[in-house]
């Protein structure tokens, strides 16, 4: 069978470039499986879409398997000369569409090896005030990605995600982080056990509640703080909320739904 693929080696750049045109290519079929949780688990990899996110992966020195870009549109200018010895694939638009999750395929995506962060790293320096975001049963991938990006913006030390939350390597989660997945440690852990460990170390455990007496503007968040965010429809689970010892309200001037 002819899958219409061939390899070129650029000696000046030290880059190995392969061309793939057919969606029947075995390599393409491997990438397609990464759109599903089972495929990501079996391969231990995930897909990162878009120039910003791929650039973040390169800058973070993530373990990148390969970079794939549109042969029609060319390697994005921002990535030219930055791929080093990585294998790059020039592919057809049909291949890009098959292997990416966005409605309009990005110009480029990278296949990256999953990194599992240990929760112990959050306790490495108890003397330094830190912020950790704890996600309890978050189901919407866009929401989880936005939380990770917000945690990055706030300078958080890490994000803990409960095992019953959406897969942290889901394409929509990764896309919504806009590269922040490579900036802030994200780890999957039993939330109840993690909160018990944090409380035992004197860390304040906070959440937001409409009926809380303390507002966001009055709360003392200058110490080490872990902030718990619950499920979109049901809030924080009972076993988790009983571990939280501080709550605050977020005043709203308008009439928008929280």
C-alpha atoms as a PDB file:
ATOM      1  CA  UNK A   1       0.000   0.000   0.000  1.00  0.00           C
ATOM      2  CA  UNK A   2       1.270   3.481  -0.867  1.00  0.00           C
ATOM      3  CA  UNK A   3       0.831   5.901   2.031  1.00  0.00           C
ATOM      4  CA  UNK A   4       2.666   8.669   0.140  1.00  0.00           C
ATOM      5  CA  UNK A   5       5.267   9.446   2.771  1.00  0.00           C
ATOM      6  CA  UNK A   6       8.966  10.201   2.482  1.00  0.00           C
ATOM      7  CA  UNK A   7      11.830  11.537   4.585  1.00  0.00           C
ATOM      8  CA  UNK A   8      14.231  14.445   4.182  1.00  0.00           C
ATOM      9  CA  UNK A   9      17.203  15.335   6.371  1.00  0.00           C
ATOM     10  CA  UNK A  10      18.366  18.946   6.672  1.00  0.00           C
ATOM     11  CA  UNK A  11      22.058  18.680   7.581  1.00  0.00           C
ATOM     12  CA  UNK A  12      22.437  22.423   8.240  1.00  0.00           C
ATOM     13  CA  UNK A  13      19.666  22.433  10.853  1.00  0.00           C
ATOM     14  CA  UNK A  14      20.103  18.860  12.047  1.00  0.00           C
ATOM     15  CA  UNK A  15      16.389  18.293  11.467  1.00  0.00           C
ATOM     16  CA  UNK A  16      14.702  15.183  10.140  1.00  0.00           C
ATOM     17  CA  UNK A  17      11.558  16.036   8.195  1.00  0.00           C
ATOM     18  CA  UNK A  18       9.022  13.496   6.993  1.00  0.00           C
ATOM     19  CA  UNK A  19       6.168  14.126   4.582  1.00  0.00           C
ATOM     20  CA  UNK A  20       2.834  12.383   5.065  1.00  0.00           C
ATOM     21  CA  UNK A  21      -0.150  12.988   2.834  1.00  0.00           C
ATOM     22  CA  UNK A  22      -2.511  10.086   3.517  1.00  0.00           C
ATOM     23  CA  UNK A  23      -4.759   9.640   6.553  1.00  0.00           C
ATOM     24  CA  UNK A  24      -4.191   5.878   6.132  1.00  0.00           C
ATOM     25  CA  UNK A  25      -0.569   6.208   7.238  1.00  0.00           C
ATOM     26  CA  UNK A  26       0.110   4.113  10.413  1.00  0.00           C
ATOM     27  CA  UNK A  27       1.703   7.108  12.148  1.00  0.00           C
ATOM     28  CA  UNK A  28      -1.425   9.175  11.512  1.00  0.00           C
ATOM     29  CA  UNK A  29      -3.576   6.420  12.989  1.00  0.00           C
ATOM     30  CA  UNK A  30      -1.462   6.545  16.152  1.00  0.00           C
ATOM     31  CA  UNK A  31      -1.953  10.305  16.434  1.00  0.00           C
ATOM     32  CA  UNK A  32      -5.699   9.961  15.892  1.00  0.00           C
ATOM     33  CA  UNK A  33      -5.938   7.615  18.882  1.00  0.00           C
ATOM     34  CA  UNK A  34      -4.534  10.381  21.098  1.00  0.00           C
ATOM     35  CA  UNK A  35      -7.853  12.218  20.755  1.00  0.00           C
ATOM     36  CA  UNK A  36      -9.347   9.546  23.025  1.00  0.00           C
ATOM     37  CA  UNK A  37      -8.539   8.890  26.684  1.00  0.00           C
ATOM     38  CA  UNK A  38      -7.786   5.206  26.055  1.00  0.00           C
ATOM     39  CA  UNK A  39      -5.283   6.016  23.323  1.00  0.00           C
ATOM     40  CA  UNK A  40      -3.578   8.649  25.477  1.00  0.00           C
ATOM     41  CA  UNK A  41      -3.319   6.197  28.359  1.00  0.00           C
ATOM     42  CA  UNK A  42      -1.930   3.385  26.194  1.00  0.00           C
ATOM     43  CA  UNK A  43       0.660   5.569  24.473  1.00  0.00           C
ATOM     44  CA  UNK A  44       1.466   7.822  27.432  1.00  0.00           C
ATOM     45  CA  UNK A  45       1.302  10.835  25.119  1.00  0.00           C
ATOM     46  CA  UNK A  46      -1.036  13.708  24.292  1.00  0.00           C
ATOM     47  CA  UNK A  47      -1.537  16.285  21.545  1.00  0.00           C
ATOM     48  CA  UNK A  48      -0.723  19.978  21.930  1.00  0.00           C
ATOM     49  CA  UNK A  49      -2.351  22.188  19.294  1.00  0.00           C
ATOM     50  CA  UNK A  50      -1.354  25.641  18.096  1.00  0.00           C
ATOM     51  CA  UNK A  51       1.771  27.764  17.843  1.00  0.00           C
ATOM     52  CA  UNK A  52       1.559  29.259  21.358  1.00  0.00           C
ATOM     53  CA  UNK A  53       1.202  25.905  23.089  1.00  0.00           C
ATOM     54  CA  UNK A  54       3.855  24.145  21.004  1.00  0.00           C
ATOM     55  CA  UNK A  55       6.243  27.020  21.663  1.00  0.00           C
ATOM     56  CA  UNK A  56       5.527  26.702  25.400  1.00  0.00           C
ATOM     57  CA  UNK A  57       6.320  22.989  25.231  1.00  0.00           C
ATOM     58  CA  UNK A  58       9.640  23.716  23.509  1.00  0.00           C
ATOM     59  CA  UNK A  59      10.577  26.443  25.987  1.00  0.00           C
ATOM     60  CA  UNK A  60       9.685  24.195  28.935  1.00  0.00           C
ATOM     61  CA  UNK A  61      11.864  21.443  27.456  1.00  0.00           C
ATOM     62  CA  UNK A  62       8.954  19.031  27.561  1.00  0.00           C
ATOM     63  CA  UNK A  63       9.592  15.543  26.226  1.00  0.00           C
ATOM     64  CA  UNK A  64       8.307  16.048  22.690  1.00  0.00           C
ATOM     65  CA  UNK A  65       7.911  13.026  20.418  1.00  0.00           C
ATOM     66  CA  UNK A  66       7.472  15.021  17.203  1.00  0.00           C
ATOM     67  CA  UNK A  67       6.069  18.216  15.695  1.00  0.00           C
ATOM     68  CA  UNK A  68       3.509  18.067  12.899  1.00  0.00           C
ATOM     69  CA  UNK A  69       2.664  21.005  10.655  1.00  0.00           C
ATOM     70  CA  UNK A  70       0.690  21.862   7.536  1.00  0.00           C
ATOM     71  CA  UNK A  71       2.688  21.282   4.374  1.00  0.00           C
ATOM     72  CA  UNK A  72       0.349  23.662   2.573  1.00  0.00           C
ATOM     73  CA  UNK A  73       0.735  26.506   5.068  1.00  0.00           C
ATOM     74  CA  UNK A  74       4.306  25.705   6.104  1.00  0.00           C
ATOM     75  CA  UNK A  75       6.077  25.583   9.448  1.00  0.00           C
ATOM     76  CA  UNK A  76       4.933  28.590  11.526  1.00  0.00           C
ATOM     77  CA  UNK A  77       7.498  31.382  11.508  1.00  0.00           C
ATOM     78  CA  UNK A  78       7.685  31.392  15.324  1.00  0.00           C
ATOM     79  CA  UNK A  79       8.889  27.775  15.304  1.00  0.00           C
ATOM     80  CA  UNK A  80      11.369  27.996  12.440  1.00  0.00           C
ATOM     81  CA  UNK A  81      14.806  26.873  13.584  1.00  0.00           C
ATOM     82  CA  UNK A  82      13.575  25.982  17.100  1.00  0.00           C
ATOM     83  CA  UNK A  83      12.837  22.304  16.598  1.00  0.00           C
ATOM     84  CA  UNK A  84      16.474  21.201  16.911  1.00  0.00           C
ATOM     85  CA  UNK A  85      16.895  17.453  16.429  1.00  0.00           C
ATOM     86  CA  UNK A  86      13.160  16.745  16.780  1.00  0.00           C
ATOM     87  CA  UNK A  87      11.447  14.816  14.005  1.00  0.00           C
ATOM     88  CA  UNK A  88       9.013  17.069  12.152  1.00  0.00           C
ATOM     89  CA  UNK A  89       6.237  15.959   9.852  1.00  0.00           C
ATOM     90  CA  UNK A  90       4.874  17.977   6.953  1.00  0.00           C
ATOM     91  CA  UNK A  91       1.321  16.734   6.439  1.00  0.00           C
ATOM     92  CA  UNK A  92      -1.771  17.365   4.372  1.00  0.00           C
ATOM     93  CA  UNK A  93      -4.719  19.392   5.629  1.00  0.00           C
ATOM     94  CA  UNK A  94      -6.716  16.143   5.747  1.00  0.00           C
ATOM     95  CA  UNK A  95      -4.219  14.662   8.194  1.00  0.00           C
ATOM     96  CA  UNK A  96      -4.313  17.792  10.376  1.00  0.00           C
ATOM     97  CA  UNK A  97      -8.094  17.648  10.518  1.00  0.00           C
ATOM     98  CA  UNK A  98      -8.080  13.981  11.519  1.00  0.00           C
ATOM     99  CA  UNK A  99      -5.548  14.448  14.309  1.00  0.00           C
ATOM    100  CA  UNK A 100      -6.724  17.666  15.964  1.00  0.00           C
ATOM    101  CA  UNK A 101      -9.770  18.483  18.056  1.00  0.00           C
ATOM    102  CA  UNK A 102     -10.405  22.113  17.088  1.00  0.00           C
ATOM    103  CA  UNK A 103     -13.189  22.854  14.590  1.00  0.00           C
ATOM    104  CA  UNK A 104     -10.687  24.793  12.491  1.00  0.00           C
ATOM    105  CA  UNK A 105      -7.392  22.847  12.507  1.00  0.00           C
ATOM    106  CA  UNK A 106      -4.350  24.723  13.757  1.00  0.00           C
ATOM    107  CA  UNK A 107      -1.258  25.070  11.563  1.00  0.00           C
ATOM    108  CA  UNK A 108       0.795  22.860  13.873  1.00  0.00           C
ATOM    109  CA  UNK A 109       0.570  20.353  16.692  1.00  0.00           C
ATOM    110  CA  UNK A 110       3.069  18.467  18.820  1.00  0.00           C
ATOM    111  CA  UNK A 111       2.920  14.973  20.267  1.00  0.00           C
ATOM    112  CA  UNK A 112       4.190  15.185  23.853  1.00  0.00           C
ATOM    113  CA  UNK A 113       4.963  12.522  26.437  1.00  0.00           C
ATOM    114  CA  UNK A 114       2.814  12.764  29.568  1.00  0.00           C
ATOM    115  CA  UNK A 115       4.556  13.882  32.730  1.00  0.00           C
ATOM    116  CA  UNK A 116       3.138  12.722  36.047  1.00  0.00           C
ATOM    117  CA  UNK A 117       3.868  15.145  38.871  1.00  0.00           C
ATOM    118  CA  UNK A 118       4.102  13.875  42.443  1.00  0.00           C
ATOM    119  CA  UNK A 119       2.126  15.778  45.075  1.00  0.00           C
ATOM    120  CA  UNK A 120       5.156  15.653  47.393  1.00  0.00           C
ATOM    121  CA  UNK A 121       6.686  18.558  45.488  1.00  0.00           C
ATOM    122  CA  UNK A 122       4.030  20.856  46.962  1.00  0.00           C
ATOM    123  CA  UNK A 123       5.414  20.211  50.441  1.00  0.00           C
ATOM    124  CA  UNK A 124       9.078  20.594  49.527  1.00  0.00           C
ATOM    125  CA  UNK A 125       9.304  24.075  51.078  1.00  0.00           C
ATOM    126  CA  UNK A 126       6.796  24.575  53.884  1.00  0.00           C
ATOM    127  CA  UNK A 127       8.384  27.874  54.867  1.00  0.00           C
ATOM    128  CA  UNK A 128       7.370  29.694  51.677  1.00  0.00           C
ATOM    129  CA  UNK A 129       3.775  30.988  51.288  1.00  0.00           C
ATOM    130  CA  UNK A 130       2.170  29.243  48.350  1.00  0.00           C
ATOM    131  CA  UNK A 131      -1.084  28.999  46.453  1.00  0.00           C
ATOM    132  CA  UNK A 132      -2.454  25.646  45.294  1.00  0.00           C
ATOM    133  CA  UNK A 133      -5.719  25.201  43.390  1.00  0.00           C
ATOM    134  CA  UNK A 134      -7.641  22.004  44.181  1.00  0.00           C
ATOM    135  CA  UNK A 135     -10.187  20.795  41.618  1.00  0.00           C
ATOM    136  CA  UNK A 136     -12.920  18.483  42.909  1.00  0.00           C
ATOM    137  CA  UNK A 137     -14.788  16.613  40.148  1.00  0.00           C
ATOM    138  CA  UNK A 138     -14.464  19.260  37.430  1.00  0.00           C
ATOM    139  CA  UNK A 139     -16.147  17.850  34.322  1.00  0.00           C
ATOM    140  CA  UNK A 140     -15.932  20.511  31.626  1.00  0.00           C
ATOM    141  CA  UNK A 141     -12.550  20.391  29.832  1.00  0.00           C
ATOM    142  CA  UNK A 142     -12.698  24.081  28.966  1.00  0.00           C
ATOM    143  CA  UNK A 143     -13.275  24.944  32.616  1.00  0.00           C
ATOM    144  CA  UNK A 144     -10.339  22.842  33.823  1.00  0.00           C
ATOM    145  CA  UNK A 145      -8.058  24.344  31.187  1.00  0.00           C
ATOM    146  CA  UNK A 146      -9.097  27.854  32.208  1.00  0.00           C
ATOM    147  CA  UNK A 147      -8.477  27.044  35.886  1.00  0.00           C
ATOM    148  CA  UNK A 148      -4.954  25.841  35.055  1.00  0.00           C
ATOM    149  CA  UNK A 149      -4.299  28.976  33.006  1.00  0.00           C
ATOM    150  CA  UNK A 150      -5.626  31.196  35.810  1.00  0.00           C
ATOM    151  CA  UNK A 151      -3.478  29.345  38.351  1.00  0.00           C
ATOM    152  CA  UNK A 152      -0.460  30.014  36.167  1.00  0.00           C
ATOM    153  CA  UNK A 153      -1.363  33.710  35.933  1.00  0.00           C
ATOM    154  CA  UNK A 154      -1.697  33.912  39.723  1.00  0.00           C
ATOM    155  CA  UNK A 155       1.693  32.282  40.258  1.00  0.00           C
ATOM    156  CA  UNK A 156       0.260  29.146  41.880  1.00  0.00           C
ATOM    157  CA  UNK A 157       2.631  26.423  43.032  1.00  0.00           C
ATOM    158  CA  UNK A 158       0.438  23.718  41.547  1.00  0.00           C
ATOM    159  CA  UNK A 159      -3.006  22.418  40.605  1.00  0.00           C
ATOM    160  CA  UNK A 160      -4.431  19.234  42.143  1.00  0.00           C
ATOM    161  CA  UNK A 161      -7.114  17.440  40.139  1.00  0.00           C
ATOM    162  CA  UNK A 162      -9.315  14.689  41.575  1.00  0.00           C
ATOM    163  CA  UNK A 163      -9.308  11.344  39.696  1.00  0.00           C
ATOM    164  CA  UNK A 164     -13.022  11.719  38.879  1.00  0.00           C
ATOM    165  CA  UNK A 165     -12.422  15.000  37.044  1.00  0.00           C
ATOM    166  CA  UNK A 166     -12.028  15.272  33.273  1.00  0.00           C
ATOM    167  CA  UNK A 167      -8.728  13.904  31.922  1.00  0.00           C
ATOM    168  CA  UNK A 168      -6.066  16.604  32.289  1.00  0.00           C
ATOM    169  CA  UNK A 169      -4.668  15.605  28.865  1.00  0.00           C
ATOM    170  CA  UNK A 170      -7.990  16.007  27.047  1.00  0.00           C
ATOM    171  CA  UNK A 171      -7.389  18.114  23.895  1.00  0.00           C
ATOM    172  CA  UNK A 172      -9.846  20.810  25.026  1.00  0.00           C
ATOM    173  CA  UNK A 173      -8.158  21.025  28.434  1.00  0.00           C
ATOM    174  CA  UNK A 174      -4.723  21.391  26.834  1.00  0.00           C
ATOM    175  CA  UNK A 175      -5.970  23.948  24.304  1.00  0.00           C
ATOM    176  CA  UNK A 176      -7.698  26.017  27.013  1.00  0.00           C
ATOM    177  CA  UNK A 177      -4.517  26.205  29.089  1.00  0.00           C
ATOM    178  CA  UNK A 178      -2.816  28.003  26.160  1.00  0.00           C
ATOM    179  CA  UNK A 179       0.553  26.588  27.193  1.00  0.00           C
ATOM    180  CA  UNK A 180       0.111  26.933  30.966  1.00  0.00           C
ATOM    181  CA  UNK A 181       0.074  23.130  31.289  1.00  0.00           C
ATOM    182  CA  UNK A 182       3.865  23.441  30.879  1.00  0.00           C
ATOM    183  CA  UNK A 183       4.262  26.300  33.361  1.00  0.00           C
ATOM    184  CA  UNK A 184       2.473  25.067  36.498  1.00  0.00           C
ATOM    185  CA  UNK A 185       2.638  21.517  37.927  1.00  0.00           C
ATOM    186  CA  UNK A 186      -0.674  19.679  37.538  1.00  0.00           C
ATOM    187  CA  UNK A 187      -1.173  16.455  39.458  1.00  0.00           C
ATOM    188  CA  UNK A 188      -3.916  13.886  39.931  1.00  0.00           C
ATOM    189  CA  UNK A 189      -4.478  12.968  43.573  1.00  0.00           C
ATOM    190  CA  UNK A 190      -7.072  11.924  46.125  1.00  0.00           C
ATOM    191  CA  UNK A 191      -8.348  15.327  47.223  1.00  0.00           C
ATOM    192  CA  UNK A 192      -9.437  14.287  50.731  1.00  0.00           C
ATOM    193  CA  UNK A 193      -6.022  12.789  51.508  1.00  0.00           C
ATOM    194  CA  UNK A 194      -4.243  15.800  50.022  1.00  0.00           C
ATOM    195  CA  UNK A 195      -6.271  18.249  52.112  1.00  0.00           C
ATOM    196  CA  UNK A 196      -5.604  16.230  55.266  1.00  0.00           C
ATOM    197  CA  UNK A 197      -1.867  16.418  54.551  1.00  0.00           C
ATOM    198  CA  UNK A 198      -2.043  20.159  53.875  1.00  0.00           C
ATOM    199  CA  UNK A 199      -4.064  20.888  57.030  1.00  0.00           C
ATOM    200  CA  UNK A 200      -1.571  18.892  59.080  1.00  0.00           C
ATOM    201  CA  UNK A 201       1.120  21.244  57.853  1.00  0.00           C
ATOM    202  CA  UNK A 202      -0.817  24.350  58.885  1.00  0.00           C
ATOM    203  CA  UNK A 203      -1.937  25.308  55.374  1.00  0.00           C
ATOM    204  CA  UNK A 204      -5.217  27.251  55.187  1.00  0.00           C
ATOM    205  CA  UNK A 205      -7.958  25.561  53.156  1.00  0.00           C
ATOM    206  CA  UNK A 206     -10.371  27.951  51.438  1.00  0.00           C
ATOM    207  CA  UNK A 207     -13.336  27.816  49.120  1.00  0.00           C
ATOM    208  CA  UNK A 208     -15.934  30.265  47.804  1.00  0.00           C
ATOM    209  CA  UNK A 209     -19.462  30.114  49.219  1.00  0.00           C
ATOM    210  CA  UNK A 210     -22.320  32.604  48.529  1.00  0.00           C
ATOM    211  CA  UNK A 211     -23.267  32.698  52.231  1.00  0.00           C
ATOM    212  CA  UNK A 212     -19.729  33.266  53.550  1.00  0.00           C
ATOM    213  CA  UNK A 213     -19.314  36.204  55.955  1.00  0.00           C
ATOM    214  CA  UNK A 214     -15.856  37.130  54.666  1.00  0.00           C
ATOM    215  CA  UNK A 215     -15.565  38.671  51.213  1.00  0.00           C
ATOM    216  CA  UNK A 216     -12.706  38.128  48.809  1.00  0.00           C
ATOM    217  CA  UNK A 217     -11.497  41.659  49.595  1.00  0.00           C
ATOM    218  CA  UNK A 218     -11.363  41.019  53.354  1.00  0.00           C
ATOM    219  CA  UNK A 219      -9.810  37.537  53.405  1.00  0.00           C
ATOM    220  CA  UNK A 220      -6.185  37.187  54.488  1.00  0.00           C
ATOM    221  CA  UNK A 221      -4.631  35.114  51.730  1.00  0.00           C
ATOM    222  CA  UNK A 222      -1.035  36.086  52.469  1.00  0.00           C
ATOM    223  CA  UNK A 223      -0.229  32.737  54.086  1.00  0.00           C
ATOM    224  CA  UNK A 224       0.032  29.351  52.393  1.00  0.00           C
ATOM    225  CA  UNK A 225      -3.419  28.741  50.894  1.00  0.00           C
ATOM    226  CA  UNK A 226      -5.079  25.860  49.100  1.00  0.00           C
ATOM    227  CA  UNK A 227      -8.252  26.960  47.309  1.00  0.00           C
ATOM    228  CA  UNK A 228     -10.869  24.297  46.486  1.00  0.00           C
ATOM    229  CA  UNK A 229     -13.107  24.526  43.408  1.00  0.00           C
ATOM    230  CA  UNK A 230     -16.042  22.144  43.060  1.00  0.00           C
ATOM    231  CA  UNK A 231     -18.120  20.516  40.340  1.00  0.00           C
ATOM    232  CA  UNK A 232     -19.961  22.831  37.943  1.00  0.00           C
ATOM    233  CA  UNK A 233     -23.426  21.513  38.813  1.00  0.00           C
ATOM    234  CA  UNK A 234     -23.116  20.102  42.334  1.00  0.00           C
ATOM    235  CA  UNK A 235     -20.319  22.099  43.919  1.00  0.00           C
ATOM    236  CA  UNK A 236     -17.803  20.575  46.302  1.00  0.00           C
ATOM    237  CA  UNK A 237     -18.503  17.005  47.424  1.00  0.00           C
ATOM    238  CA  UNK A 238     -19.489  16.429  51.062  1.00  0.00           C
ATOM    239  CA  UNK A 239     -16.322  14.489  51.917  1.00  0.00           C
ATOM    240  CA  UNK A 240     -14.201  17.356  50.625  1.00  0.00           C
ATOM    241  CA  UNK A 241     -16.148  20.334  51.983  1.00  0.00           C
ATOM    242  CA  UNK A 242     -15.865  19.031  55.566  1.00  0.00           C
ATOM    243  CA  UNK A 243     -12.085  19.364  55.269  1.00  0.00           C
ATOM    244  CA  UNK A 244     -12.230  23.053  54.300  1.00  0.00           C
ATOM    245  CA  UNK A 245     -11.983  25.441  57.263  1.00  0.00           C
ATOM    246  CA  UNK A 246     -12.314  28.863  55.566  1.00  0.00           C
ATOM    247  CA  UNK A 247     -14.786  30.251  53.049  1.00  0.00           C
ATOM    248  CA  UNK A 248     -15.201  33.566  51.310  1.00  0.00           C
ATOM    249  CA  UNK A 249     -17.778  35.227  49.119  1.00  0.00           C
ATOM    250  CA  UNK A 250     -17.104  37.011  45.848  1.00  0.00           C
ATOM    251  CA  UNK A 251     -19.187  40.211  45.699  1.00  0.00           C
ATOM    252  CA  UNK A 252     -20.976  40.778  42.385  1.00  0.00           C
ATOM    253  CA  UNK A 253     -22.218  44.233  41.410  1.00  0.00           C
ATOM    254  CA  UNK A 254     -24.199  43.155  38.381  1.00  0.00           C
ATOM    255  CA  UNK A 255     -26.902  40.536  37.923  1.00  0.00           C
ATOM    256  CA  UNK A 256     -24.880  37.859  36.108  1.00  0.00           C
ATOM    257  CA  UNK A 257     -25.143  34.229  37.179  1.00  0.00           C
ATOM    258  CA  UNK A 258     -22.153  33.111  39.265  1.00  0.00           C
END
